[in-house]
Amino acid sequence: MELNSGKLPQHQPGMDTHTRTTTKLVSVCLLLLSLIAASADARRPVMQFEGRSSRMMAKQCQIQRFTTAQPSHKIESDGGMIEMWDPMEDHFQCAGAAAMRITIRPKSLSLPKFFPSPRLIYVIQGRGMVGISCPGCPETYQMGGSESEERHQRIHRIRRGDIIAIPHGHAHWCYNDGNEDLVAVSVLDLDNKNNQLDQSFRAFMLAGGQSSRQDPSERSRQGLERMLQDTFQNVMSGLDDEILAESFSVPTEVIRKMKQNDDMGLIVKCNEDMSMIKPDEEEAEQMRRNDDHNGIEETICSSKIRYNMETMREADYYTRHAGKINVLNEQKLPILSSLDMGAERGTLMPDAMYTPHWSMTDMRMVYALRGDIQLQMVDDNGNTVMEERVKEGDMFIIPQFYVVVAKAGSDGFDYITFKTSSMSMQMPMAGSTSMMRAMPVDVIVNSYQVSPSQAMKLKMNRDREAVVFTPTTRMSRS
């Protein structure tokens, strides 16, 4: 007997009464099951795991005015401080990101922690060491051959201009072994597909922390600064002493001592130089050169996590009298593929322009390193949603598809941009790679009601420049 889709079986000659009755019962059961399944499907919530694009639909970045911002909250520790931009502010909610600036004083340690979202860190000043605990990877740094000798996973040397990629859920720490403050700016992609919690900012401290004794009503009166301090709590404090002691196979008093330090802050001053197995400067430089030539032997345990953005000889865009831009994507730093993040480091010379353009793939968080620019940004309705002078220390958000143009001030402009895509793409409106250059002259004539000669100028006048443009005054003198 063959059951046709959606149809009850027909009576066939020769079928006895028992067979017909059984067939009807089976058909009725199948019909009931299909109705139940359809009802369940109608009630089942739509689960979105496609990543940023589907989750962005619910956010609705309907913001009338975008502005620049400096860090609004500071958390002091003995060994340094953390300055945070307000993650609840509309612009950062639109971007699905959180940003902070970290200062680690000499001989100080930023304590181990992990975040549920991937993190990019850019070193503005100083040098130091970063350690990342990668699950399942061997202890590749060893001193001596006995079991009692120190062994640990690889340590990464970092310096000014480095971007460091930290995967979600990976415990990491940073130590400043230099003679000046180590200063870095960091962005967390809260809306990343790897974070399946929500868009709230969370930090899981594995040591130290900011203790808070206030009750919830007092905490609410303290505002966001208190909330941020409460966010940095040691996860050890909530676990049972006996269970932890058994887990580590150590006396209970050791665990109690660990918990007593849950209010020591987030960055601690070390009494003496930290002693750890690390390469000397010559070995570190050799490792750095080796890092620049990743082969097929690279695994998650040996993945390169660092790329120096000051290497402007590798600039993707360069104009002699305008500036240069270095774009970091998964091709240059493969680990970014799993983070789905990227970066851009740019230097604009005095009065140079960054072409009008829009991003096709990502939200961007831009941090001003030096100098200033005049920036304009327009939404889909042609409204100017941002028109500001951006200065050193400012951060601002550029939403996906919003059109933006910038002109550097008299001292030029340096910046670092964090992107929510590992293979970012943007569409310039002017220049040799622009949408205008790609159009036939007649399309330009009829679209903008200009003469053919004017259309040709729109199409070709920036023919030798791609993204960064020489000031017109300089062009006239050349």
Protein backbone atom coordinates (compact mmCIF):
# COMPACT_ATOMS: atom_id res chain seq x y z
CA MET A 1 0.00 0.00 0.00
CA GLU A 2 1.38 3.42 -0.97
CA LEU A 3 0.54 6.56 1.02
CA ASN A 4 0.36 9.71 -1.13
CA SER A 5 1.39 12.99 0.48
CA GLY A 6 -1.53 14.65 2.26
CA LYS A 7 -4.11 12.11 0.95
CA LEU A 8 -5.96 9.35 2.77
CA PRO A 9 -5.58 5.91 1.15
CA GLN A 10 -8.48 4.94 -1.08
CA HIS A 11 -10.54 1.79 -0.72
CA GLN A 12 -9.15 -0.98 -2.89
CA PRO A 13 -11.08 -4.03 -4.04
CA GLY A 14 -10.23 -7.19 -2.16
CA MET A 15 -9.41 -5.46 1.10
CA ASP A 16 -11.24 -7.14 4.01
CA THR A 17 -12.99 -5.20 6.77
CA HIS A 18 -10.10 -5.61 9.26
CA THR A 19 -7.55 -4.29 6.77
CA ARG A 20 -9.72 -1.28 5.91
CA THR A 21 -10.25 -0.46 9.58
CA THR A 22 -6.52 -0.69 10.31
CA THR A 23 -5.71 1.51 7.34
CA LYS A 24 -8.16 4.19 8.49
CA LEU A 25 -6.71 4.17 12.00
CA VAL A 26 -3.17 4.57 10.65
CA SER A 27 -4.25 7.42 8.40
CA VAL A 28 -6.04 9.23 11.23
CA CYS A 29 -2.96 8.86 13.47
CA LEU A 30 -0.69 10.25 10.75
CA LEU A 31 -3.06 13.19 10.24
CA LEU A 32 -3.15 13.94 13.99
CA LEU A 33 0.65 13.77 14.22
CA SER A 34 1.05 16.20 11.33
CA LEU A 35 -1.41 18.64 12.95
CA ILE A 36 0.43 18.44 16.27
CA ALA A 37 3.77 19.06 14.55
CA ALA A 38 2.36 22.05 12.66
CA SER A 39 0.97 23.49 15.89
CA ALA A 40 4.33 23.05 17.64
CA ASP A 41 6.12 24.75 14.77
CA ALA A 42 3.76 27.70 15.01
CA ARG A 43 4.46 28.10 18.74
CA ARG A 44 8.21 27.46 18.55
CA PRO A 45 10.28 30.67 18.82
CA VAL A 46 12.59 31.43 15.95
CA MET A 47 16.15 30.71 17.07
CA GLN A 48 18.73 32.87 15.33
CA PHE A 49 22.25 31.53 15.24
CA GLU A 50 23.29 33.01 11.92
CA GLY A 51 25.39 35.62 13.64
CA ARG A 52 25.48 39.39 13.55
CA SER A 53 23.24 40.06 10.54
CA SER A 54 20.19 38.32 11.99
CA ARG A 55 20.74 39.62 15.51
CA MET A 56 21.19 43.18 14.26
CA MET A 57 17.61 43.14 12.96
CA ALA A 58 16.30 43.38 16.50
CA LYS A 59 18.63 46.21 17.53
CA GLN A 60 17.36 48.93 15.21
CA CYS A 61 20.12 51.55 15.13
CA GLN A 62 17.64 54.40 14.88
CA ILE A 63 19.87 57.12 16.32
CA GLN A 64 19.31 60.72 15.34
CA ARG A 65 22.74 61.98 16.33
CA PHE A 66 26.12 60.25 16.64
CA THR A 67 28.86 61.91 18.68
CA THR A 68 32.42 61.28 19.78
CA ALA A 69 33.08 60.13 23.33
CA GLN A 70 35.92 59.92 25.80
CA PRO A 71 35.99 57.20 28.50
CA SER A 72 33.36 58.02 31.11
CA HIS A 73 34.30 55.63 33.93
CA LYS A 74 37.60 54.81 35.60
CA ILE A 75 38.53 51.81 37.77
CA GLU A 76 41.76 52.38 39.68
CA SER A 77 44.07 49.61 40.89
CA ASP A 78 47.51 49.62 42.51
CA GLY A 79 49.15 48.60 39.25
CA GLY A 80 47.21 50.75 36.82
CA MET A 81 43.72 51.65 35.72
CA ILE A 82 40.93 50.72 33.33
CA GLU A 83 38.95 53.49 31.63
CA MET A 84 35.68 52.45 30.02
CA TRP A 85 33.33 53.93 27.50
CA ASP A 86 29.73 53.53 28.59
CA PRO A 87 28.56 50.19 27.09
CA MET A 88 24.92 51.17 27.70
CA GLU A 89 25.25 54.29 25.56
CA ASP A 90 23.08 54.13 22.41
CA HIS A 91 25.99 54.28 19.97
CA PHE A 92 27.77 51.30 21.54
CA GLN A 93 24.47 49.43 21.82
CA CYS A 94 24.00 49.99 18.10
CA ALA A 95 27.49 48.64 17.39
CA GLY A 96 27.08 45.75 19.83
CA ALA A 97 30.49 46.53 21.29
CA ALA A 98 32.27 47.59 24.47
CA ALA A 99 35.51 49.56 24.62
CA MET A 100 38.13 50.25 27.27
CA ARG A 101 41.55 51.84 27.62
CA ILE A 102 44.04 50.04 29.86
CA THR A 103 47.09 51.48 31.58
CA ILE A 104 49.51 49.01 33.20
CA ARG A 105 52.32 50.57 35.21
CA PRO A 106 55.89 49.19 35.08
CA LYS A 107 56.34 45.86 36.91
CA SER A 108 52.58 45.42 37.14
CA LEU A 109 50.29 42.56 36.12
CA SER A 110 46.83 42.75 34.59
CA LEU A 111 45.24 39.75 36.31
CA PRO A 112 43.95 36.64 34.48
CA LYS A 113 40.44 36.92 33.10
CA PHE A 114 38.28 35.86 30.18
CA PHE A 115 35.41 37.38 28.23
CA PRO A 116 32.50 35.65 26.47
CA SER A 117 33.20 37.78 23.38
CA PRO A 118 36.30 38.02 21.17
CA ARG A 119 38.62 40.92 21.91
CA LEU A 120 41.07 43.01 19.91
CA ILE A 121 43.74 45.04 21.73
CA TYR A 122 45.88 47.77 20.19
CA VAL A 123 49.07 48.82 22.01
CA ILE A 124 49.37 52.61 22.00
CA GLN A 125 52.49 52.86 24.15
CA GLY A 126 55.04 50.67 25.90
CA ARG A 127 55.83 46.99 25.77
CA GLY A 128 55.15 43.84 27.75
CA MET A 129 54.15 40.19 27.66
CA VAL A 130 50.79 38.52 27.08
CA GLY A 131 49.90 34.97 27.99
CA ILE A 132 46.82 33.15 26.66
CA SER A 133 45.64 29.81 28.05
CA CYS A 134 44.56 27.74 25.07
CA PRO A 135 42.71 24.54 26.11
CA GLY A 136 44.38 21.30 25.13
CA CYS A 137 47.65 22.87 23.98
CA PRO A 138 51.05 21.70 25.27
CA GLU A 139 53.39 23.60 27.58
CA THR A 140 55.89 24.70 24.97
CA TYR A 141 58.02 26.85 27.29
CA GLN A 142 60.12 24.69 29.61
CA MET A 143 63.05 25.20 31.93
CA GLY A 144 65.03 22.04 32.59
CA GLY A 145 63.84 18.50 32.09
CA SER A 146 62.49 17.41 35.46
CA GLU A 147 58.82 17.27 36.34
CA SER A 148 59.31 19.87 39.10
CA GLU A 149 60.70 22.53 36.75
CA GLU A 150 58.56 25.39 35.48
CA ARG A 151 56.55 24.76 32.30
CA HIS A 152 53.84 26.86 30.69
CA GLN A 153 52.26 27.74 27.38
CA ARG A 154 53.79 30.23 25.01
CA ILE A 155 54.24 33.87 26.03
CA HIS A 156 53.85 36.60 23.41
CA ARG A 157 56.03 39.70 23.36
CA ILE A 158 54.02 42.84 22.58
CA ARG A 159 55.08 46.39 21.74
CA ARG A 160 53.73 49.67 20.44
CA GLY A 161 51.62 49.27 17.31
CA ASP A 162 50.70 45.63 17.94
CA ILE A 163 47.17 44.30 17.52
CA ILE A 164 46.54 41.30 19.79
CA ALA A 165 43.63 38.95 19.02
CA ILE A 166 42.06 37.22 22.04
CA PRO A 167 39.49 34.51 21.24
CA HIS A 168 36.30 34.31 23.29
CA GLY A 169 36.54 32.32 26.52
CA HIS A 170 40.36 32.23 26.54
CA ALA A 171 41.97 33.17 29.86
CA HIS A 172 44.68 35.80 29.38
CA TRP A 173 46.95 38.13 31.36
CA CYS A 174 49.42 40.92 30.59
CA TYR A 175 52.62 41.96 32.37
CA ASN A 176 54.50 45.23 31.85
CA ASP A 177 58.23 44.47 32.03
CA GLY A 178 59.21 47.82 30.50
CA ASN A 179 60.20 51.14 32.03
CA GLU A 180 57.12 53.14 30.98
CA ASP A 181 53.39 52.70 31.24
CA LEU A 182 51.90 50.13 28.89
CA VAL A 183 48.80 51.76 27.38
CA ALA A 184 46.35 49.95 25.12
CA VAL A 185 42.84 50.41 23.77
CA SER A 186 40.58 47.39 23.49
CA VAL A 187 37.24 46.54 21.87
CA LEU A 188 34.96 43.57 22.63
CA ASP A 189 32.47 42.45 19.97
CA LEU A 190 29.51 41.69 22.26
CA ASP A 191 27.21 40.87 19.36
CA ASN A 192 29.64 38.31 17.92
CA LYS A 193 28.21 34.93 16.94
CA ASN A 194 30.60 33.25 19.40
CA ASN A 195 28.85 34.93 22.34
CA GLN A 196 25.51 33.17 22.84
CA LEU A 197 24.62 34.85 26.14
CA ASP A 198 23.38 38.34 25.29
CA GLN A 199 24.74 41.79 24.50
CA SER A 200 25.54 42.68 28.12
CA PHE A 201 29.14 43.45 29.02
CA ARG A 202 30.65 40.67 31.16
CA ALA A 203 34.14 39.94 32.46
CA PHE A 204 35.02 36.71 34.25
CA MET A 205 37.90 37.48 36.63
CA LEU A 206 40.04 34.48 37.63
CA ALA A 207 41.94 36.45 40.29
CA GLY A 208 41.56 39.76 42.08
CA GLY A 209 38.41 41.73 41.44
CA GLN A 210 36.52 44.78 42.63
CA SER A 211 34.61 43.91 45.80
CA SER A 212 31.32 45.63 46.58
CA ARG A 213 29.50 45.46 49.90
CA GLN A 214 26.54 47.66 49.00
CA ASP A 215 23.03 46.29 48.81
CA PRO A 216 21.21 46.43 45.44
CA SER A 217 19.39 49.68 46.24
CA GLU A 218 22.66 51.40 47.15
CA ARG A 219 24.26 49.99 44.04
CA SER A 220 21.52 51.40 41.85
CA ARG A 221 22.12 54.85 43.27
CA GLN A 222 25.82 54.61 42.52
CA GLY A 223 25.03 54.35 38.81
CA LEU A 224 26.96 52.74 36.01
CA GLU A 225 30.39 53.14 37.61
CA ARG A 226 29.35 50.92 40.50
CA MET A 227 27.77 48.46 38.07
CA LEU A 228 31.04 48.20 36.16
CA GLN A 229 32.97 47.61 39.36
CA ASP A 230 30.52 44.88 40.31
CA THR A 231 31.07 43.33 36.89
CA PHE A 232 34.74 42.59 37.67
CA GLN A 233 34.28 39.93 40.35
CA ASN A 234 36.43 36.87 41.02
CA VAL A 235 34.56 33.74 39.97
CA MET A 236 36.47 31.74 42.61
CA SER A 237 34.55 33.53 45.37
CA GLY A 238 31.30 31.76 44.49
CA LEU A 239 32.71 28.23 44.53
CA ASP A 240 32.84 25.99 47.62
CA ASP A 241 36.20 25.88 49.45
CA GLU A 242 36.20 22.12 49.93
CA ILE A 243 35.29 21.38 46.33
CA LEU A 244 38.00 23.72 45.02
CA ALA A 245 40.57 22.24 47.41
CA GLU A 246 39.74 18.76 46.16
CA SER A 247 39.80 19.93 42.54
CA PHE A 248 43.33 21.37 42.88
CA SER A 249 44.42 18.76 45.44
CA VAL A 250 45.65 21.45 47.82
CA PRO A 251 44.87 22.27 51.47
CA THR A 252 41.70 24.27 52.09
CA GLU A 253 43.69 27.17 53.56
CA VAL A 254 45.30 27.72 50.13
CA ILE A 255 41.86 28.17 48.61
CA ARG A 256 40.81 30.52 51.42
CA LYS A 257 43.93 32.60 50.80
CA MET A 258 43.07 32.80 47.11
CA LYS A 259 39.60 34.09 47.98
CA GLN A 260 40.94 36.70 50.39
CA ASN A 261 42.44 38.47 47.39
CA ASP A 262 39.10 39.00 45.62
CA ASP A 263 39.23 42.75 46.29
CA MET A 264 42.83 43.43 45.29
CA GLY A 265 41.80 45.20 42.10
CA LEU A 266 42.25 44.30 38.45
CA ILE A 267 45.91 45.28 37.96
CA VAL A 268 48.42 44.51 40.72
CA LYS A 269 51.86 45.94 41.44
CA CYS A 270 54.42 43.13 41.67
CA ASN A 271 56.93 43.42 44.54
CA GLU A 272 59.74 42.03 42.41
CA ASP A 273 60.34 41.39 38.75
CA MET A 274 58.24 38.44 37.67
CA SER A 275 60.34 35.39 36.90
CA MET A 276 59.06 33.36 33.99
CA ILE A 277 60.42 31.49 31.04
CA LYS A 278 60.55 33.87 28.10
CA PRO A 279 62.75 34.42 25.07
CA ASP A 280 65.36 37.17 25.19
CA GLU A 281 65.12 40.09 22.77
CA GLU A 282 67.09 38.38 20.02
CA GLU A 283 65.05 35.20 20.25
CA ALA A 284 61.82 37.20 20.40
CA GLU A 285 62.75 39.05 17.21
CA GLN A 286 63.49 35.75 15.47
CA MET A 287 60.12 34.40 16.61
CA ARG A 288 58.51 37.59 15.33
CA ARG A 289 60.07 37.07 11.91
CA ASN A 290 58.97 33.44 11.91
CA ASP A 291 55.45 34.56 12.80
CA ASP A 292 55.35 36.60 9.62
CA HIS A 293 55.62 33.44 7.52
CA ASN A 294 52.77 31.19 8.62
CA GLY A 295 52.85 27.80 6.98
CA ILE A 296 50.41 24.95 6.72
CA GLU A 297 51.86 23.54 9.94
CA GLU A 298 50.13 26.24 11.99
CA THR A 299 47.58 24.91 14.50
CA ILE A 300 45.37 26.57 17.08
CA CYS A 301 48.15 26.02 19.63
CA SER A 302 50.75 27.84 17.52
CA SER A 303 48.45 30.41 15.93
CA LYS A 304 49.86 33.87 15.53
CA ILE A 305 47.82 36.25 17.68
CA ARG A 306 49.82 39.45 17.08
CA TYR A 307 50.35 41.74 14.11
CA ASN A 308 52.22 45.03 14.15
CA MET A 309 50.14 47.78 12.54
CA GLU A 310 53.09 50.17 12.45
CA THR A 311 54.52 48.14 9.58
CA MET A 312 53.37 50.75 7.11
CA ARG A 313 55.65 49.41 4.37
CA GLU A 314 52.85 46.87 3.95
CA ALA A 315 50.23 49.61 3.61
CA ASP A 316 47.25 48.65 1.47
CA TYR A 317 46.64 52.24 0.39
CA TYR A 318 49.36 54.85 -0.02
CA THR A 319 49.40 58.35 -1.48
CA ARG A 320 52.65 60.24 -1.15
CA HIS A 321 51.22 63.57 0.00
CA ALA A 322 48.05 62.22 1.62
CA GLY A 323 48.90 59.26 3.83
CA LYS A 324 48.66 55.50 4.15
CA ILE A 325 46.28 52.86 5.45
CA ASN A 326 47.07 49.36 6.67
CA VAL A 327 44.10 46.97 6.72
CA LEU A 328 44.30 43.90 8.96
CA ASN A 329 42.14 40.94 7.96
CA GLU A 330 42.16 37.15 8.18
CA GLN A 331 44.61 36.89 5.29
CA LYS A 332 47.27 38.73 7.27
CA LEU A 333 46.30 37.27 10.66
CA PRO A 334 44.40 33.98 10.13
CA ILE A 335 43.10 33.73 13.72
CA LEU A 336 40.80 36.67 12.91
CA SER A 337 38.68 34.28 10.86
CA SER A 338 37.42 32.60 14.04
CA LEU A 339 36.96 35.94 15.79
CA ASP A 340 35.23 37.53 12.78
CA MET A 341 36.94 40.82 13.60
CA GLY A 342 39.47 43.03 11.85
CA ALA A 343 41.28 46.36 12.15
CA GLU A 344 42.60 49.33 10.19
CA ARG A 345 45.50 51.62 11.08
CA GLY A 346 45.70 54.90 9.20
CA THR A 347 47.85 58.01 9.00
CA LEU A 348 46.48 61.07 7.20
CA MET A 349 48.81 63.92 6.41
CA PRO A 350 47.78 67.56 7.09
CA ASP A 351 44.56 68.51 5.25
CA ALA A 352 44.35 65.12 3.51
CA MET A 353 40.98 63.51 2.88
CA TYR A 354 39.55 60.04 3.40
CA THR A 355 37.23 59.40 0.46
CA PRO A 356 33.45 59.43 1.00
CA HIS A 357 32.54 55.76 1.43
CA TRP A 358 30.41 53.20 3.21
CA SER A 359 31.20 49.87 4.82
CA MET A 360 29.57 46.86 3.20
CA THR A 361 30.39 44.31 5.89
CA ASP A 362 30.86 45.69 9.38
CA MET A 363 30.32 48.12 12.21
CA ARG A 364 33.41 50.20 13.01
CA MET A 365 34.74 51.65 16.26
CA VAL A 366 37.33 54.36 15.52
CA TYR A 367 39.82 55.58 18.12
CA ALA A 368 41.81 58.79 17.53
CA LEU A 369 45.51 58.28 18.31
CA ARG A 370 46.89 61.70 17.32
CA GLY A 371 45.83 64.94 15.66
CA ASP A 372 42.27 65.71 14.56
CA ILE A 373 39.82 65.40 11.68
CA GLN A 374 36.57 67.01 10.62
CA LEU A 375 34.07 64.20 10.04
CA GLN A 376 30.60 64.01 8.49
CA MET A 377 28.28 61.01 8.47
CA VAL A 378 24.92 60.57 6.71
CA ASP A 379 22.15 58.00 7.15
CA ASP A 380 19.86 56.38 4.57
CA ASN A 381 17.48 59.37 4.65
CA GLY A 382 20.22 61.82 3.74
CA ASN A 383 20.28 63.21 7.28
CA THR A 384 23.61 64.40 8.64
CA VAL A 385 23.80 62.32 11.83
CA MET A 386 27.33 63.38 12.74
CA GLU A 387 29.39 66.48 12.03
CA GLU A 388 32.19 66.90 14.54
CA ARG A 389 35.85 67.65 15.04
CA VAL A 390 37.41 64.40 16.27
CA LYS A 391 40.44 64.81 18.51
CA GLU A 392 43.02 62.59 20.23
CA GLY A 393 41.48 60.12 22.70
CA ASP A 394 38.00 60.24 21.13
CA MET A 395 36.14 57.14 20.00
CA PHE A 396 33.15 57.09 17.67
CA ILE A 397 30.97 54.53 15.91
CA ILE A 398 30.40 54.21 12.16
CA PRO A 399 27.38 51.95 11.47
CA GLN A 400 27.36 49.61 8.51
CA PHE A 401 26.25 51.30 5.24
CA TYR A 402 26.29 54.85 6.67
CA VAL A 403 28.19 57.20 4.37
CA VAL A 404 31.15 58.98 5.95
CA VAL A 405 33.83 61.43 4.80
CA ALA A 406 36.73 62.94 6.76
CA LYS A 407 39.33 65.67 6.31
CA ALA A 408 42.45 65.82 8.49
CA GLY A 409 43.40 68.93 10.42
CA SER A 410 46.57 70.98 10.07
CA ASP A 411 48.58 68.48 12.14
CA GLY A 412 47.34 65.38 10.35
CA PHE A 413 45.51 62.46 11.94
CA ASP A 414 46.40 58.95 13.19
CA TYR A 415 43.72 56.41 14.08
CA ILE A 416 42.98 52.75 14.77
CA THR A 417 39.67 51.21 13.68
CA PHE A 418 38.19 48.01 15.08
CA LYS A 419 35.85 46.16 12.71
CA THR A 420 33.23 43.46 13.20
CA SER A 421 34.32 41.48 10.14
CA SER A 422 37.47 39.49 9.42
CA MET A 423 37.25 40.34 5.70
CA SER A 424 35.93 43.89 5.64
CA MET A 425 34.87 45.58 2.41
CA GLN A 426 34.04 49.20 1.75
CA MET A 427 32.78 51.10 -1.27
CA PRO A 428 34.54 54.40 -2.08
CA MET A 429 32.43 57.05 -3.80
CA ALA A 430 35.41 58.80 -5.40
CA GLY A 431 38.83 57.65 -6.54
CA SER A 432 40.33 54.96 -8.76
CA THR A 433 38.43 52.08 -7.14
CA SER A 434 35.17 53.94 -6.61
CA MET A 435 31.58 53.34 -7.64
CA MET A 436 31.78 56.53 -9.75
CA ARG A 437 34.79 55.22 -11.66
CA ALA A 438 32.91 51.99 -12.41
CA MET A 439 29.93 53.75 -14.02
CA PRO A 440 29.64 54.64 -17.72
CA VAL A 441 29.75 58.38 -18.44
CA ASP A 442 26.17 58.39 -19.77
CA VAL A 443 24.90 56.90 -16.52
CA ILE A 444 26.60 59.71 -14.58
CA VAL A 445 25.23 62.35 -17.01
CA ASN A 446 21.64 61.17 -16.63
CA SER A 447 21.83 60.34 -12.93
CA TYR A 448 23.21 63.70 -11.84
CA GLN A 449 22.10 65.93 -14.71
CA VAL A 450 25.64 67.09 -15.52
CA SER A 451 27.40 67.61 -18.84
CA PRO A 452 29.58 64.84 -20.35
CA SER A 453 32.74 66.80 -19.55
CA GLN A 454 31.63 67.26 -15.94
CA ALA A 455 30.78 63.58 -15.73
CA MET A 456 34.25 62.70 -16.98
CA LYS A 457 35.80 64.88 -14.27
CA LEU A 458 33.67 63.18 -11.58
CA LYS A 459 34.82 59.86 -12.92
CA MET A 460 38.52 60.53 -13.56
CA ASN A 461 39.80 63.49 -11.50
CA ARG A 462 41.02 61.26 -8.65
CA ASP A 463 42.20 58.60 -11.07
CA ARG A 464 45.61 58.15 -9.42
CA GLU A 465 44.35 57.97 -5.83
CA ALA A 466 42.27 55.26 -4.22
CA VAL A 467 41.20 56.02 -0.63
CA VAL A 468 43.35 58.81 0.82
CA PHE A 469 43.36 62.03 -1.22
CA THR A 470 45.97 64.75 -1.55
CA PRO A 471 44.66 68.22 -0.56
CA THR A 472 43.54 70.17 -3.64
CA THR A 473 45.89 73.03 -2.71
CA ARG A 474 48.81 70.63 -2.80
CA MET A 475 47.62 69.16 -6.11
CA SER A 476 47.53 72.60 -7.71
CA ARG A 477 51.14 73.24 -6.67
CA SER A 478 52.36 69.85 -7.91
